[in-house]
Amino acid sequence: FTVWLDGACGSHLDGKPAQKYDFERYYALIRRLQPNCA
Protein backbone atom coordinates (compact mmCIF):
# COMPACT_ATOMS: atom_id res chain seq x y z
CA PHE A 1 0.00 0.00 0.00
CA THR A 2 3.01 2.30 0.43
CA VAL A 3 6.75 2.64 0.02
CA TRP A 4 8.03 4.93 2.79
CA LEU A 5 11.15 6.86 1.82
CA ASP A 6 13.41 9.31 3.59
CA GLY A 7 16.28 11.44 2.37
CA ALA A 8 18.83 10.44 5.00
CA CYS A 9 22.35 10.99 3.68
CA GLY A 10 25.12 10.97 6.29
CA SER A 11 27.87 9.71 3.99
CA HIS A 12 30.45 12.07 5.49
CA LEU A 13 30.25 10.00 8.70
CA ASP A 14 31.90 7.17 6.77
CA GLY A 15 34.28 9.30 4.74
CA LYS A 16 32.30 8.84 1.54
CA PRO A 17 31.08 11.45 -0.94
CA ALA A 18 27.45 12.50 -0.69
CA GLN A 19 25.10 10.19 -2.55
CA LYS A 20 22.74 11.97 -4.92
CA TYR A 21 19.47 10.07 -4.79
CA ASP A 22 17.59 9.79 -8.06
CA PHE A 23 14.14 10.12 -6.49
CA GLU A 24 12.40 10.52 -9.83
CA ARG A 25 13.81 7.18 -10.91
CA TYR A 26 12.59 5.57 -7.67
CA TYR A 27 9.13 7.03 -8.13
CA ALA A 28 8.89 5.82 -11.72
CA LEU A 29 9.96 2.31 -10.70
CA ILE A 30 7.43 2.16 -7.87
CA ARG A 31 4.66 3.42 -10.14
CA ARG A 32 5.50 0.78 -12.74
CA LEU A 33 5.78 -2.18 -10.35
CA GLN A 34 3.04 -1.19 -7.88
CA PRO A 35 0.72 1.32 -9.59
CA ASN A 36 -1.71 1.34 -6.65
CA CYS A 37 0.99 2.08 -4.07
CA ALA A 38 1.35 5.45 -2.34
PDB file of all heavy atoms in Angstrom:
ATOM      1  N   PHE A   1       0.819  -1.206   0.000  1.00  0.00           N
ATOM      2  CA  PHE A   1       0.000   0.000   0.000  1.00  0.00           C
ATOM      3  C   PHE A   1       0.853   1.257   0.000  1.00  0.00           C
ATOM      4  O   PHE A   1       0.397   2.324  -0.410  1.00  0.00           O
ATOM      5  CB  PHE A   1      -0.972   0.006   1.187  1.00  0.00           C
ATOM      6  CG  PHE A   1      -0.413   0.560   2.474  1.00  0.00           C
ATOM      7  CD1 PHE A   1      -0.662   1.884   2.840  1.00  0.00           C
ATOM      8  CD2 PHE A   1       0.337  -0.236   3.335  1.00  0.00           C
ATOM      9  CE1 PHE A   1      -0.167   2.403   4.029  1.00  0.00           C
ATOM     10  CE2 PHE A   1       0.825   0.277   4.519  1.00  0.00           C
ATOM     11  CZ  PHE A   1       0.587   1.604   4.869  1.00  0.00           C
ATOM     12  N   THR A   2       2.125   1.133   0.450  1.00  0.00           N
ATOM     13  CA  THR A   2       3.011   2.296   0.429  1.00  0.00           C
ATOM     14  C   THR A   2       4.472   1.862   0.416  1.00  0.00           C
ATOM     15  O   THR A   2       4.818   0.781   0.917  1.00  0.00           O
ATOM     16  CB  THR A   2       2.761   3.221   1.639  1.00  0.00           C
ATOM     17  OG1 THR A   2       3.474   4.451   1.468  1.00  0.00           O
ATOM     18  CG2 THR A   2       3.224   2.593   2.942  1.00  0.00           C
ATOM     19  N   VAL A   3       5.300   2.704  -0.173  1.00  0.00           N
ATOM     20  CA  VAL A   3       6.748   2.642   0.025  1.00  0.00           C
ATOM     21  C   VAL A   3       7.100   3.934   0.756  1.00  0.00           C
ATOM     22  O   VAL A   3       6.796   5.033   0.282  1.00  0.00           O
ATOM     23  CB  VAL A   3       7.521   2.553  -1.303  1.00  0.00           C
ATOM     24  CG1 VAL A   3       9.028   2.678  -1.057  1.00  0.00           C
ATOM     25  CG2 VAL A   3       7.216   1.237  -2.002  1.00  0.00           C
ATOM     26  N   TRP A   4       7.722   3.783   1.932  1.00  0.00           N
ATOM     27  CA  TRP A   4       8.031   4.925   2.793  1.00  0.00           C
ATOM     28  C   TRP A   4       9.509   5.257   2.632  1.00  0.00           C
ATOM     29  O   TRP A   4      10.380   4.455   2.952  1.00  0.00           O
ATOM     30  CB  TRP A   4       7.710   4.567   4.238  1.00  0.00           C
ATOM     31  CG  TRP A   4       7.382   5.705   5.150  1.00  0.00           C
ATOM     32  CD1 TRP A   4       6.141   6.157   5.466  1.00  0.00           C
ATOM     33  CD2 TRP A   4       8.301   6.524   5.894  1.00  0.00           C
ATOM     34  NE1 TRP A   4       6.221   7.204   6.358  1.00  0.00           N
ATOM     35  CE2 TRP A   4       7.537   7.448   6.638  1.00  0.00           C
ATOM     36  CE3 TRP A   4       9.690   6.558   6.011  1.00  0.00           C
ATOM     37  CZ2 TRP A   4       8.119   8.400   7.481  1.00  0.00           C
ATOM     38  CZ3 TRP A   4      10.276   7.514   6.839  1.00  0.00           C
ATOM     39  CH2 TRP A   4       9.481   8.414   7.567  1.00  0.00           C
ATOM     40  N   LEU A   5       9.780   6.448   2.119  1.00  0.00           N
ATOM     41  CA  LEU A   5      11.152   6.864   1.824  1.00  0.00           C
ATOM     42  C   LEU A   5      11.578   8.003   2.738  1.00  0.00           C
ATOM     43  O   LEU A   5      10.754   8.794   3.184  1.00  0.00           O
ATOM     44  CB  LEU A   5      11.252   7.344   0.368  1.00  0.00           C
ATOM     45  CG  LEU A   5      10.858   6.366  -0.723  1.00  0.00           C
ATOM     46  CD1 LEU A   5      10.843   7.071  -2.074  1.00  0.00           C
ATOM     47  CD2 LEU A   5      11.821   5.183  -0.756  1.00  0.00           C
ATOM     48  N   ASP A   6      12.878   8.092   3.004  1.00  0.00           N
ATOM     49  CA  ASP A   6      13.410   9.311   3.594  1.00  0.00           C
ATOM     50  C   ASP A   6      14.640   9.730   2.799  1.00  0.00           C
ATOM     51  O   ASP A   6      15.087   9.016   1.901  1.00  0.00           O
ATOM     52  CB  ASP A   6      13.701   9.169   5.092  1.00  0.00           C
ATOM     53  CG  ASP A   6      14.809   8.196   5.425  1.00  0.00           C
ATOM     54  OD1 ASP A   6      15.753   8.065   4.623  1.00  0.00           O
ATOM     55  OD2 ASP A   6      14.764   7.593   6.510  1.00  0.00           O
ATOM     56  N   GLY A   7      15.140  10.912   3.114  1.00  0.00           N
ATOM     57  CA  GLY A   7      16.278  11.444   2.366  1.00  0.00           C
ATOM     58  C   GLY A   7      17.564  11.402   3.145  1.00  0.00           C
ATOM     59  O   GLY A   7      18.477  12.181   2.873  1.00  0.00           O
ATOM     60  N   ALA A   8      17.639  10.508   4.148  1.00  0.00           N
ATOM     61  CA  ALA A   8      18.825  10.440   5.001  1.00  0.00           C
ATOM     62  C   ALA A   8      20.089  10.249   4.160  1.00  0.00           C
ATOM     63  O   ALA A   8      20.134   9.394   3.273  1.00  0.00           O
ATOM     64  CB  ALA A   8      18.694   9.288   5.995  1.00  0.00           C
ATOM     65  N   CYS A   9      21.107  11.061   4.447  1.00  0.00           N
ATOM     66  CA  CYS A   9      22.352  10.989   3.678  1.00  0.00           C
ATOM     67  C   CYS A   9      23.506  11.479   4.546  1.00  0.00           C
ATOM     68  O   CYS A   9      23.908  12.641   4.465  1.00  0.00           O
ATOM     69  CB  CYS A   9      22.249  11.830   2.407  1.00  0.00           C
ATOM     70  SG  CYS A   9      23.735  11.800   1.378  1.00  0.00           S
ATOM     71  N   GLY A  10      24.026  10.593   5.398  1.00  0.00           N
ATOM     72  CA  GLY A  10      25.125  10.969   6.286  1.00  0.00           C
ATOM     73  C   GLY A  10      26.436  10.373   5.837  1.00  0.00           C
ATOM     74  O   GLY A  10      27.234   9.903   6.653  1.00  0.00           O
ATOM     75  N   SER A  11      26.694  10.388   4.537  1.00  0.00           N
ATOM     76  CA  SER A  11      27.866   9.709   3.986  1.00  0.00           C
ATOM     77  C   SER A  11      29.179  10.237   4.545  1.00  0.00           C
ATOM     78  O   SER A  11      30.165   9.507   4.615  1.00  0.00           O
ATOM     79  CB  SER A  11      27.866   9.827   2.464  1.00  0.00           C
ATOM     80  OG  SER A  11      27.710  11.172   2.068  1.00  0.00           O
ATOM     81  N   HIS A  12      29.210  11.517   4.965  1.00  0.00           N
ATOM     82  CA  HIS A  12      30.455  12.067   5.494  1.00  0.00           C
ATOM     83  C   HIS A  12      30.875  11.376   6.786  1.00  0.00           C
ATOM     84  O   HIS A  12      32.045  11.398   7.163  1.00  0.00           O
ATOM     85  CB  HIS A  12      30.315  13.571   5.723  1.00  0.00           C
ATOM     86  CG  HIS A  12      29.323  13.929   6.777  1.00  0.00           C
ATOM     87  ND1 HIS A  12      27.968  13.879   6.567  1.00  0.00           N
ATOM     88  CD2 HIS A  12      29.490  14.340   8.062  1.00  0.00           C
ATOM     89  CE1 HIS A  12      27.339  14.253   7.674  1.00  0.00           C
ATOM     90  NE2 HIS A  12      28.254  14.544   8.596  1.00  0.00           N
ATOM     91  N   LEU A  13      29.908  10.735   7.481  1.00  0.00           N
ATOM     92  CA  LEU A  13      30.248  10.003   8.696  1.00  0.00           C
ATOM     93  C   LEU A  13      31.161   8.824   8.396  1.00  0.00           C
ATOM     94  O   LEU A  13      31.916   8.371   9.266  1.00  0.00           O
ATOM     95  CB  LEU A  13      28.970   9.494   9.374  1.00  0.00           C
ATOM     96  CG  LEU A  13      28.010  10.550   9.919  1.00  0.00           C
ATOM     97  CD1 LEU A  13      26.755   9.892  10.453  1.00  0.00           C
ATOM     98  CD2 LEU A  13      28.686  11.371  11.011  1.00  0.00           C
ATOM     99  N   ASP A  14      31.094   8.319   7.171  1.00  0.00           N
ATOM    100  CA  ASP A  14      31.901   7.167   6.772  1.00  0.00           C
ATOM    101  C   ASP A  14      32.999   7.549   5.779  1.00  0.00           C
ATOM    102  O   ASP A  14      33.582   6.668   5.131  1.00  0.00           O
ATOM    103  CB  ASP A  14      30.989   6.093   6.171  1.00  0.00           C
ATOM    104  CG  ASP A  14      29.883   5.676   7.131  1.00  0.00           C
ATOM    105  OD1 ASP A  14      30.211   5.398   8.298  1.00  0.00           O
ATOM    106  OD2 ASP A  14      28.706   5.655   6.723  1.00  0.00           O
ATOM    107  N   GLY A  15      33.224   8.844   5.645  1.00  0.00           N
ATOM    108  CA  GLY A  15      34.283   9.298   4.742  1.00  0.00           C
ATOM    109  C   GLY A  15      33.975   9.082   3.280  1.00  0.00           C
ATOM    110  O   GLY A  15      34.885   8.962   2.455  1.00  0.00           O
ATOM    111  N   LYS A  16      32.693   9.061   2.932  1.00  0.00           N
ATOM    112  CA  LYS A  16      32.298   8.844   1.544  1.00  0.00           C
ATOM    113  C   LYS A  16      31.688  10.123   0.976  1.00  0.00           C
ATOM    114  O   LYS A  16      31.169  10.952   1.715  1.00  0.00           O
ATOM    115  CB  LYS A  16      31.268   7.706   1.450  1.00  0.00           C
ATOM    116  CG  LYS A  16      31.811   6.343   1.828  1.00  0.00           C
ATOM    117  CD  LYS A  16      30.728   5.278   1.650  1.00  0.00           C
ATOM    118  CE  LYS A  16      31.266   3.888   1.961  1.00  0.00           C
ATOM    119  NZ  LYS A  16      30.231   2.843   1.760  1.00  0.00           N
ATOM    120  N   PRO A  17      31.740  10.289  -0.335  1.00  0.00           N
ATOM    121  CA  PRO A  17      31.076  11.451  -0.938  1.00  0.00           C
ATOM    122  C   PRO A  17      29.567  11.338  -0.794  1.00  0.00           C
ATOM    123  O   PRO A  17      29.024  10.241  -0.650  1.00  0.00           O
ATOM    124  CB  PRO A  17      31.502  11.376  -2.408  1.00  0.00           C
ATOM    125  CG  PRO A  17      31.846   9.934  -2.635  1.00  0.00           C
ATOM    126  CD  PRO A  17      32.418   9.441  -1.345  1.00  0.00           C
ATOM    127  N   ALA A  18      28.899  12.486  -0.814  1.00  0.00           N
ATOM    128  CA  ALA A  18      27.448  12.495  -0.687  1.00  0.00           C
ATOM    129  C   ALA A  18      26.801  11.759  -1.850  1.00  0.00           C
ATOM    130  O   ALA A  18      27.186  11.943  -3.005  1.00  0.00           O
ATOM    131  CB  ALA A  18      26.934  13.928  -0.622  1.00  0.00           C
ATOM    132  N   GLN A  19      25.842  10.917  -1.535  1.00  0.00           N
ATOM    133  CA  GLN A  19      25.104  10.194  -2.552  1.00  0.00           C
ATOM    134  C   GLN A  19      23.954  11.055  -3.049  1.00  0.00           C
ATOM    135  O   GLN A  19      23.170  11.579  -2.261  1.00  0.00           O
ATOM    136  CB  GLN A  19      24.537   8.890  -1.988  1.00  0.00           C
ATOM    137  CG  GLN A  19      23.695   8.088  -2.966  1.00  0.00           C
ATOM    138  CD  GLN A  19      24.536   7.453  -4.054  1.00  0.00           C
ATOM    139  OE1 GLN A  19      25.566   6.859  -3.772  1.00  0.00           O
ATOM    140  NE2 GLN A  19      24.094   7.572  -5.290  1.00  0.00           N
ATOM    141  N   LYS A  20      23.853  11.234  -4.343  1.00  0.00           N
ATOM    142  CA  LYS A  20      22.742  11.971  -4.916  1.00  0.00           C
ATOM    143  C   LYS A  20      21.651  10.971  -5.298  1.00  0.00           C
ATOM    144  O   LYS A  20      21.819  10.172  -6.220  1.00  0.00           O
ATOM    145  CB  LYS A  20      23.194  12.766  -6.143  1.00  0.00           C
ATOM    146  CG  LYS A  20      24.166  13.887  -5.801  1.00  0.00           C
ATOM    147  CD  LYS A  20      24.549  14.695  -7.039  1.00  0.00           C
ATOM    148  CE  LYS A  20      25.497  15.824  -6.678  1.00  0.00           C
ATOM    149  NZ  LYS A  20      25.883  16.623  -7.876  1.00  0.00           N
ATOM    150  N   TYR A  21      20.565  11.017  -4.564  1.00  0.00           N
ATOM    151  CA  TYR A  21      19.474  10.072  -4.790  1.00  0.00           C
ATOM    152  C   TYR A  21      18.656  10.486  -6.011  1.00  0.00           C
ATOM    153  O   TYR A  21      18.245  11.640  -6.129  1.00  0.00           O
ATOM    154  CB  TYR A  21      18.555  10.002  -3.569  1.00  0.00           C
ATOM    155  CG  TYR A  21      19.247   9.611  -2.289  1.00  0.00           C
ATOM    156  CD1 TYR A  21      18.954  10.268  -1.097  1.00  0.00           C
ATOM    157  CD2 TYR A  21      20.181   8.580  -2.259  1.00  0.00           C
ATOM    158  CE1 TYR A  21      19.567   9.912   0.090  1.00  0.00           C
ATOM    159  CE2 TYR A  21      20.808   8.216  -1.080  1.00  0.00           C
ATOM    160  CZ  TYR A  21      20.498   8.886   0.092  1.00  0.00           C
ATOM    161  OH  TYR A  21      21.119   8.531   1.263  1.00  0.00           O
ATOM    162  N   ASP A  22      18.410   9.536  -6.880  1.00  0.00           N
ATOM    163  CA  ASP A  22      17.590   9.789  -8.058  1.00  0.00           C
ATOM    164  C   ASP A  22      16.137   9.472  -7.718  1.00  0.00           C
ATOM    165  O   ASP A  22      15.587   8.440  -8.119  1.00  0.00           O
ATOM    166  CB  ASP A  22      18.078   8.927  -9.227  1.00  0.00           C
ATOM    167  CG  ASP A  22      17.439   9.316 -10.550  1.00  0.00           C
ATOM    168  OD1 ASP A  22      16.456  10.086 -10.525  1.00  0.00           O
ATOM    169  OD2 ASP A  22      17.910   8.844 -11.601  1.00  0.00           O
ATOM    170  N   PHE A  23      15.500  10.368  -6.949  1.00  0.00           N
ATOM    171  CA  PHE A  23      14.138  10.122  -6.493  1.00  0.00           C
ATOM    172  C   PHE A  23      13.166   9.914  -7.644  1.00  0.00           C
ATOM    173  O   PHE A  23      12.276   9.063  -7.569  1.00  0.00           O
ATOM    174  CB  PHE A  23      13.656  11.274  -5.613  1.00  0.00           C
ATOM    175  CG  PHE A  23      14.145  11.204  -4.191  1.00  0.00           C
ATOM    176  CD1 PHE A  23      15.123  12.074  -3.742  1.00  0.00           C
ATOM    177  CD2 PHE A  23      13.627  10.268  -3.314  1.00  0.00           C
ATOM    178  CE1 PHE A  23      15.573  12.011  -2.427  1.00  0.00           C
ATOM    179  CE2 PHE A  23      14.076  10.200  -2.004  1.00  0.00           C
ATOM    180  CZ  PHE A  23      15.051  11.081  -1.559  1.00  0.00           C
ATOM    181  N   GLU A  24      13.330  10.671  -8.711  1.00  0.00           N
ATOM    182  CA  GLU A  24      12.395  10.524  -9.829  1.00  0.00           C
ATOM    183  C   GLU A  24      12.468   9.116 -10.422  1.00  0.00           C
ATOM    184  O   GLU A  24      11.465   8.554 -10.848  1.00  0.00           O
ATOM    185  CB  GLU A  24      12.680  11.582 -10.900  1.00  0.00           C
ATOM    186  CG  GLU A  24      12.426  13.017 -10.450  1.00  0.00           C
ATOM    187  CD  GLU A  24      10.997  13.241  -9.988  1.00  0.00           C
ATOM    188  OE1 GLU A  24      10.081  12.596 -10.534  1.00  0.00           O
ATOM    189  OE2 GLU A  24      10.799  14.063  -9.079  1.00  0.00           O
ATOM    190  N   ARG A  25      13.662   8.556 -10.435  1.00  0.00           N
ATOM    191  CA  ARG A  25      13.813   7.185 -10.907  1.00  0.00           C
ATOM    192  C   ARG A  25      13.115   6.211  -9.953  1.00  0.00           C
ATOM    193  O   ARG A  25      12.433   5.276 -10.402  1.00  0.00           O
ATOM    194  CB  ARG A  25      15.298   6.830 -11.012  1.00  0.00           C
ATOM    195  CG  ARG A  25      15.556   5.402 -11.496  1.00  0.00           C
ATOM    196  CD  ARG A  25      17.041   5.083 -11.523  1.00  0.00           C
ATOM    197  NE  ARG A  25      17.299   3.711 -11.914  1.00  0.00           N
ATOM    198  CZ  ARG A  25      18.488   3.117 -11.871  1.00  0.00           C
ATOM    199  NH1 ARG A  25      19.565   3.807 -11.455  1.00  0.00           N
ATOM    200  NH2 ARG A  25      18.633   1.853 -12.237  1.00  0.00           N
ATOM    201  N   TYR A  26      13.259   6.440  -8.637  1.00  0.00           N
ATOM    202  CA  TYR A  26      12.594   5.568  -7.668  1.00  0.00           C
ATOM    203  C   TYR A  26      11.079   5.646  -7.844  1.00  0.00           C
ATOM    204  O   TYR A  26      10.392   4.612  -7.843  1.00  0.00           O
ATOM    205  CB  TYR A  26      12.946   5.973  -6.231  1.00  0.00           C
ATOM    206  CG  TYR A  26      14.403   6.124  -5.906  1.00  0.00           C
ATOM    207  CD1 TYR A  26      14.808   6.885  -4.813  1.00  0.00           C
ATOM    208  CD2 TYR A  26      15.398   5.510  -6.673  1.00  0.00           C
ATOM    209  CE1 TYR A  26      16.139   7.038  -4.481  1.00  0.00           C
ATOM    210  CE2 TYR A  26      16.741   5.664  -6.362  1.00  0.00           C
ATOM    211  CZ  TYR A  26      17.108   6.432  -5.263  1.00  0.00           C
ATOM    212  OH  TYR A  26      18.432   6.588  -4.940  1.00  0.00           O
ATOM    213  N   TYR A  27      10.574   6.862  -7.985  1.00  0.00           N
ATOM    214  CA  TYR A  27       9.130   7.032  -8.134  1.00  0.00           C
ATOM    215  C   TYR A  27       8.612   6.294  -9.369  1.00  0.00           C
ATOM    216  O   TYR A  27       7.590   5.602  -9.318  1.00  0.00           O
ATOM    217  CB  TYR A  27       8.760   8.513  -8.260  1.00  0.00           C
ATOM    218  CG  TYR A  27       9.159   9.399  -7.102  1.00  0.00           C
ATOM    219  CD1 TYR A  27       9.213  10.780  -7.258  1.00  0.00           C
ATOM    220  CD2 TYR A  27       9.480   8.875  -5.856  1.00  0.00           C
ATOM    221  CE1 TYR A  27       9.567  11.617  -6.204  1.00  0.00           C
ATOM    222  CE2 TYR A  27       9.848   9.700  -4.801  1.00  0.00           C
ATOM    223  CZ  TYR A  27       9.891  11.073  -4.978  1.00  0.00           C
ATOM    224  OH  TYR A  27      10.248  11.898  -3.954  1.00  0.00           O
ATOM    225  N   ALA A  28       9.329   6.453 -10.474  1.00  0.00           N
ATOM    226  CA  ALA A  28       8.891   5.819 -11.719  1.00  0.00           C
ATOM    227  C   ALA A  28       8.881   4.302 -11.590  1.00  0.00           C
ATOM    228  O   ALA A  28       7.965   3.625 -12.088  1.00  0.00           O
ATOM    229  CB  ALA A  28       9.794   6.253 -12.870  1.00  0.00           C
ATOM    230  N   LEU A  29       9.885   3.763 -10.893  1.00  0.00           N
ATOM    231  CA  LEU A  29       9.959   2.311 -10.697  1.00  0.00           C
ATOM    232  C   LEU A  29       8.801   1.819  -9.837  1.00  0.00           C
ATOM    233  O   LEU A  29       8.150   0.811 -10.157  1.00  0.00           O
ATOM    234  CB  LEU A  29      11.300   1.954 -10.051  1.00  0.00           C
ATOM    235  CG  LEU A  29      11.535   0.463  -9.770  1.00  0.00           C
ATOM    236  CD1 LEU A  29      11.579  -0.333 -11.073  1.00  0.00           C
ATOM    237  CD2 LEU A  29      12.831   0.272  -8.982  1.00  0.00           C
ATOM    238  N   ILE A  30       8.532   2.536  -8.753  1.00  0.00           N
ATOM    239  CA  ILE A  30       7.432   2.155  -7.870  1.00  0.00           C
ATOM    240  C   ILE A  30       6.099   2.220  -8.610  1.00  0.00           C
ATOM    241  O   ILE A  30       5.270   1.309  -8.512  1.00  0.00           O
ATOM    242  CB  ILE A  30       7.404   3.061  -6.624  1.00  0.00           C
ATOM    243  CG1 ILE A  30       8.669   2.849  -5.783  1.00  0.00           C
ATOM    244  CG2 ILE A  30       6.169   2.776  -5.774  1.00  0.00           C
ATOM    245  CD1 ILE A  30       8.890   3.907  -4.713  1.00  0.00           C
ATOM    246  N   ARG A  31       5.912   3.280  -9.380  1.00  0.00           N
ATOM    247  CA  ARG A  31       4.658   3.421 -10.138  1.00  0.00           C
ATOM    248  C   ARG A  31       4.482   2.274 -11.132  1.00  0.00           C
ATOM    249  O   ARG A  31       3.371   1.786 -11.359  1.00  0.00           O
ATOM    250  CB  ARG A  31       4.651   4.748 -10.892  1.00  0.00           C
ATOM    251  CG  ARG A  31       4.629   5.989 -10.006  1.00  0.00           C
ATOM    252  CD  ARG A  31       3.290   6.188  -9.348  1.00  0.00           C
ATOM    253  NE  ARG A  31       3.175   7.508  -8.763  1.00  0.00           N
ATOM    254  CZ  ARG A  31       2.787   7.760  -7.523  1.00  0.00           C
ATOM    255  NH1 ARG A  31       2.473   6.752  -6.719  1.00  0.00           N
ATOM    256  NH2 ARG A  31       2.698   8.992  -7.075  1.00  0.00           N
ATOM    257  N   ARG A  32       5.587   1.858 -11.742  1.00  0.00           N
ATOM    258  CA  ARG A  32       5.502   0.785 -12.739  1.00  0.00           C
ATOM    259  C   ARG A  32       5.220  -0.567 -12.086  1.00  0.00           C
ATOM    260  O   ARG A  32       4.388  -1.342 -12.571  1.00  0.00           O
ATOM    261  CB  ARG A  32       6.802   0.723 -13.546  1.00  0.00           C
ATOM    262  CG  ARG A  32       6.824  -0.377 -14.599  1.00  0.00           C
ATOM    263  CD  ARG A  32       8.008  -0.239 -15.535  1.00  0.00           C
ATOM    264  NE  ARG A  32       9.283  -0.334 -14.858  1.00  0.00           N
ATOM    265  CZ  ARG A  32       9.896  -1.502 -14.543  1.00  0.00           C
ATOM    266  NH1 ARG A  32       9.307  -2.654 -14.845  1.00  0.00           N
ATOM    267  NH2 ARG A  32      11.065  -1.505 -13.960  1.00  0.00           N
ATOM    268  N   LEU A  33       5.902  -0.859 -10.974  1.00  0.00           N
ATOM    269  CA  LEU A  33       5.781  -2.177 -10.345  1.00  0.00           C
ATOM    270  C   LEU A  33       4.553  -2.299  -9.444  1.00  0.00           C
ATOM    271  O   LEU A  33       3.978  -3.381  -9.316  1.00  0.00           O
ATOM    272  CB  LEU A  33       7.043  -2.484  -9.535  1.00  0.00           C
ATOM    273  CG  LEU A  33       8.348  -2.566 -10.328  1.00  0.00           C
ATOM    274  CD1 LEU A  33       9.523  -2.829  -9.389  1.00  0.00           C
ATOM    275  CD2 LEU A  33       8.265  -3.661 -11.393  1.00  0.00           C
ATOM    276  N   GLN A  34       4.181  -1.183  -8.794  1.00  0.00           N
ATOM    277  CA  GLN A  34       3.035  -1.192  -7.883  1.00  0.00           C
ATOM    278  C   GLN A  34       2.206   0.072  -8.134  1.00  0.00           C
ATOM    279  O   GLN A  34       2.266   1.038  -7.366  1.00  0.00           O
ATOM    280  CB  GLN A  34       3.514  -1.229  -6.427  1.00  0.00           C
ATOM    281  CG  GLN A  34       4.229  -2.501  -6.026  1.00  0.00           C
ATOM    282  CD  GLN A  34       3.284  -3.534  -5.407  1.00  0.00           C
ATOM    283  OE1 GLN A  34       2.112  -3.280  -5.186  1.00  0.00           O
ATOM    284  NE2 GLN A  34       3.822  -4.709  -5.118  1.00  0.00           N
ATOM    285  N   PRO A  35       1.440   0.089  -9.205  1.00  0.00           N
ATOM    286  CA  PRO A  35       0.718   1.316  -9.592  1.00  0.00           C
ATOM    287  C   PRO A  35      -0.291   1.801  -8.558  1.00  0.00           C
ATOM    288  O   PRO A  35      -0.669   2.973  -8.576  1.00  0.00           O
ATOM    289  CB  PRO A  35       0.036   0.929 -10.901  1.00  0.00           C
ATOM    290  CG  PRO A  35       0.017  -0.557 -10.912  1.00  0.00           C
ATOM    291  CD  PRO A  35       1.231  -1.008 -10.172  1.00  0.00           C
ATOM    292  N   ASN A  36      -0.729   0.933  -7.653  1.00  0.00           N
ATOM    293  CA  ASN A  36      -1.715   1.335  -6.648  1.00  0.00           C
ATOM    294  C   ASN A  36      -1.084   1.680  -5.299  1.00  0.00           C
ATOM    295  O   ASN A  36      -1.777   1.793  -4.288  1.00  0.00           O
ATOM    296  CB  ASN A  36      -2.755   0.224  -6.454  1.00  0.00           C
ATOM    297  CG  ASN A  36      -3.512  -0.075  -7.730  1.00  0.00           C
ATOM    298  OD1 ASN A  36      -3.881   0.837  -8.471  1.00  0.00           O
ATOM    299  ND2 ASN A  36      -3.736  -1.353  -8.018  1.00  0.00           N
ATOM    300  N   CYS A  37       0.226   1.845  -5.296  1.00  0.00           N
ATOM    301  CA  CYS A  37       0.988   2.076  -4.072  1.00  0.00           C
ATOM    302  C   CYS A  37       1.241   3.570  -3.883  1.00  0.00           C
ATOM    303  O   CYS A  37       1.639   4.264  -4.816  1.00  0.00           O
ATOM    304  CB  CYS A  37       2.306   1.304  -4.180  1.00  0.00           C
ATOM    305  SG  CYS A  37       3.479   1.600  -2.870  1.00  0.00           S
ATOM    306  N   ALA A  38       1.030   4.061  -2.662  1.00  0.00           N
ATOM    307  CA  ALA A  38       1.347   5.450  -2.339  1.00  0.00           C
ATOM    308  C   ALA A  38       2.826   5.571  -1.987  1.00  0.00           C
ATOM    309  O   ALA A  38       3.405   4.651  -1.404  1.00  0.00           O
ATOM    310  CB  ALA A  38       0.492   5.939  -1.174  1.00  0.00           C
TER     311      ALA A  38
END
